[in-house]
PDB file of N, CA and C in Angstrom:
ATOM      1  N   MET A   1       2.221  11.929  20.946  1.00  0.00           N
ATOM      2  CA  MET A   1       1.961  12.730  19.660  1.00  0.00           C
ATOM      3  C   MET A   1       0.931  13.347  19.598  1.00  0.00           C
ATOM      4  N   ARG A   2       0.434  15.355  19.780  1.00  0.00           N
ATOM      5  CA  ARG A   2      -1.135  15.681  20.129  1.00  0.00           C
ATOM      6  C   ARG A   2      -0.484  16.482  17.897  1.00  0.00           C
ATOM      7  N   LEU A   3      -1.721  16.219  17.185  1.00  0.00           N
ATOM      8  CA  LEU A   3      -1.316  16.527  15.592  1.00  0.00           C
ATOM      9  C   LEU A   3      -2.022  17.794  16.124  1.00  0.00           C
ATOM     10  N   GLU A   4      -2.766  18.505  17.020  1.00  0.00           N
ATOM     11  CA  GLU A   4      -3.344  19.552  17.075  1.00  0.00           C
ATOM     12  C   GLU A   4      -3.162  20.787  17.542  1.00  0.00           C
ATOM     13  N   GLU A   5      -1.890  20.121  17.494  1.00  0.00           N
ATOM     14  CA  GLU A   5      -0.395  21.224  18.831  1.00  0.00           C
ATOM     15  C   GLU A   5       0.237  21.825  17.146  1.00  0.00           C
ATOM     16  N   ARG A   6       0.005  21.247  16.120  1.00  0.00           N
ATOM     17  CA  ARG A   6       1.264  21.559  15.200  1.00  0.00           C
ATOM     18  C   ARG A   6       0.442  22.953  14.628  1.00  0.00           C
ATOM     19  N   PRO A   7       1.737  23.865  14.525  1.00  0.00           N
ATOM     20  CA  PRO A   7       1.467  25.408  13.834  1.00  0.00           C
ATOM     21  C   PRO A   7       0.132  25.478  12.458  1.00  0.00           C
ATOM     22  N   VAL A   8      -0.775  24.242  12.662  1.00  0.00           N
ATOM     23  CA  VAL A   8      -1.835  24.668  11.011  1.00  0.00           C
ATOM     24  C   VAL A   8      -1.841  26.222  11.319  1.00  0.00           C
ATOM     25  N   GLY A   9      -2.400  27.533  11.949  1.00  0.00           N
ATOM     26  CA  GLY A   9      -2.452  28.882  11.709  1.00  0.00           C
ATOM     27  C   GLY A   9      -1.124  29.772  10.858  1.00  0.00           C
ATOM     28  N   SER A  10      -0.418  28.845  11.742  1.00  0.00           N
ATOM     29  CA  SER A  10       0.865  29.593  10.545  1.00  0.00           C
ATOM     30  C   SER A  10       0.931  29.190   9.068  1.00  0.00           C
ATOM     31  N   SER A  11       0.566  28.063   8.679  1.00  0.00           N
ATOM     32  CA  SER A  11       0.993  27.563   7.606  1.00  0.00           C
ATOM     33  C   SER A  11      -0.029  28.345   6.377  1.00  0.00           C
ATOM     34  N   PRO A  12       0.688  28.701   5.482  1.00  0.00           N
ATOM     35  CA  PRO A  12       0.179  29.558   4.475  1.00  0.00           C
ATOM     36  C   PRO A  12      -0.826  29.311   4.169  1.00  0.00           C
ATOM     37  N   GLN A  13      -0.841  27.830   3.834  1.00  0.00           N
ATOM     38  CA  GLN A  13      -2.319  27.164   2.820  1.00  0.00           C
ATOM     39  C   GLN A  13      -2.713  26.672   4.647  1.00  0.00           C
ATOM     40  N   PRO A  14      -3.662  27.338   5.168  1.00  0.00           N
ATOM     41  CA  PRO A  14      -4.075  25.927   6.626  1.00  0.00           C
ATOM     42  C   PRO A  14      -5.246  24.699   6.153  1.00  0.00           C
ATOM     43  N   VAL A  15      -5.721  25.124   4.803  1.00  0.00           N
ATOM     44  CA  VAL A  15      -6.418  23.685   4.327  1.00  0.00           C
ATOM     45  C   VAL A  15      -5.346  22.645   3.936  1.00  0.00           C
ATOM     46  N   ALA A  16      -5.143  23.157   2.823  1.00  0.00           N
ATOM     47  CA  ALA A  16      -4.385  22.392   2.521  1.00  0.00           C
ATOM     48  C   ALA A  16      -3.624  21.318   3.742  1.00  0.00           C
ATOM     49  N   ALA A  17      -2.345  22.638   4.758  1.00  0.00           N
ATOM     50  CA  ALA A  17      -1.556  21.620   5.980  1.00  0.00           C
ATOM     51  C   ALA A  17      -3.176  20.715   7.177  1.00  0.00           C
ATOM     52  N   LYS A  18      -4.078  21.442   6.980  1.00  0.00           N
ATOM     53  CA  LYS A  18      -5.737  20.574   7.539  1.00  0.00           C
ATOM     54  C   LYS A  18      -5.454  19.260   7.072  1.00  0.00           C
ATOM     55  N   SER A  19      -5.497  19.220   5.628  1.00  0.00           N
ATOM     56  CA  SER A  19      -5.222  17.652   4.801  1.00  0.00           C
ATOM     57  C   SER A  19      -4.334  16.607   4.678  1.00  0.00           C
ATOM     58  N   THR A  20      -3.504  17.106   5.281  1.00  0.00           N
ATOM     59  CA  THR A  20      -1.735  16.801   5.321  1.00  0.00           C
ATOM     60  C   THR A  20      -2.128  15.617   6.838  1.00  0.00           C
ATOM     61  N   ILE A  21      -2.340  16.950   7.530  1.00  0.00           N
ATOM     62  CA  ILE A  21      -2.360  16.149   9.105  1.00  0.00           C
ATOM     63  C   ILE A  21      -3.961  14.938   9.485  1.00  0.00           C
ATOM     64  N   ALA A  22      -4.848  15.638   7.955  1.00  0.00           N
ATOM     65  CA  ALA A  22      -6.108  14.533   7.862  1.00  0.00           C
ATOM     66  C   ALA A  22      -5.287  12.541   7.593  1.00  0.00           C
ATOM     67  N   SER A  23      -4.382  13.053   6.492  1.00  0.00           N
ATOM     68  CA  SER A  23      -4.092  12.447   6.125  1.00  0.00           C
ATOM     69  C   SER A  23      -2.660  11.234   6.466  1.00  0.00           C
ATOM     70  N   THR A  24      -2.368  12.057   7.996  1.00  0.00           N
ATOM     71  CA  THR A  24      -1.260  11.349   9.125  1.00  0.00           C
ATOM     72  C   THR A  24      -1.766  10.756   9.647  1.00  0.00           C
ATOM     73  N   SER A  25      -3.149  11.669  10.388  1.00  0.00           N
ATOM     74  CA  SER A  25      -3.436  10.964  11.264  1.00  0.00           C
ATOM     75  C   SER A  25      -4.541   9.358  10.484  1.00  0.00           C
ATOM     76  N   GLN A  26      -4.819   8.939   9.909  1.00  0.00           N
ATOM     77  CA  GLN A  26      -5.566   8.186   9.470  1.00  0.00           C
ATOM     78  C   GLN A  26      -4.532   7.137   8.817  1.00  0.00           C
ATOM     79  N   HIS A  27      -3.245   7.403   8.830  1.00  0.00           N
ATOM     80  CA  HIS A  27      -2.415   6.499   9.279  1.00  0.00           C
ATOM     81  C   HIS A  27      -2.057   5.646  10.401  1.00  0.00           C
ATOM     82  N   LEU A  28      -2.194   6.451  10.959  1.00  0.00           N
ATOM     83  CA  LEU A  28      -1.795   6.565  12.457  1.00  0.00           C
ATOM     84  C   LEU A  28      -3.615   6.270  12.987  1.00  0.00           C
ATOM     85  N   GLY A  29      -4.261   5.829  12.444  1.00  0.00           N
ATOM     86  CA  GLY A  29      -5.256   5.377  12.840  1.00  0.00           C
ATOM     87  C   GLY A  29      -5.901   6.015  14.168  1.00  0.00           C
ATOM     88  N   ASP A  30      -6.145   7.270  14.325  1.00  0.00           N
ATOM     89  CA  ASP A  30      -6.928   8.094  14.581  1.00  0.00           C
ATOM     90  C   ASP A  30      -7.093   9.089  13.892  1.00  0.00           C
ATOM     91  N   ALA A  31      -7.544   8.493  12.448  1.00  0.00           N
ATOM     92  CA  ALA A  31      -9.218   9.409  11.556  1.00  0.00           C
ATOM     93  C   ALA A  31     -10.541  10.299  12.545  1.00  0.00           C
ATOM     94  N   THR A  32     -10.647   9.094  13.430  1.00  0.00           N
ATOM     95  CA  THR A  32     -11.678  10.027  14.024  1.00  0.00           C
ATOM     96  C   THR A  32     -10.998  11.237  15.397  1.00  0.00           C
ATOM     97  N   HIS A  33      -9.957  11.407  15.708  1.00  0.00           N
ATOM     98  CA  HIS A  33      -9.553  12.604  16.205  1.00  0.00           C
ATOM     99  C   HIS A  33      -9.807  13.206  15.825  1.00  0.00           C
ATOM    100  N   LEU A  34      -9.911  13.044  14.377  1.00  0.00           N
ATOM    101  CA  LEU A  34      -9.615  14.595  13.236  1.00  0.00           C
ATOM    102  C   LEU A  34     -11.131  15.212  13.538  1.00  0.00           C
ATOM    103  N   ASP A  35     -12.228  13.935  13.636  1.00  0.00           N
ATOM    104  CA  ASP A  35     -13.413  14.793  13.527  1.00  0.00           C
ATOM    105  C   ASP A  35     -13.604  15.353  14.080  1.00  0.00           C
ATOM    106  N   ARG A  36     -12.589  15.885  14.955  1.00  0.00           N
ATOM    107  CA  ARG A  36     -12.853  16.879  16.168  1.00  0.00           C
ATOM    108  C   ARG A  36     -12.416  18.288  16.241  1.00  0.00           C
ATOM    109  N   ILE A  37     -12.407  18.244  14.751  1.00  0.00           N
ATOM    110  CA  ILE A  37     -11.216  19.500  14.570  1.00  0.00           C
ATOM    111  C   ILE A  37     -12.469  20.363  13.727  1.00  0.00           C
TER     112      ILE A  37
END
């Protein structure tokens, strides 16, 4: 599952969406993957 492929740019609040993805990523143990965004 690739989180970076989610339509973040389509969101009216890309920053809020990015925080949601970051929170989800931490639950998946992929926190380091978010550092590349």
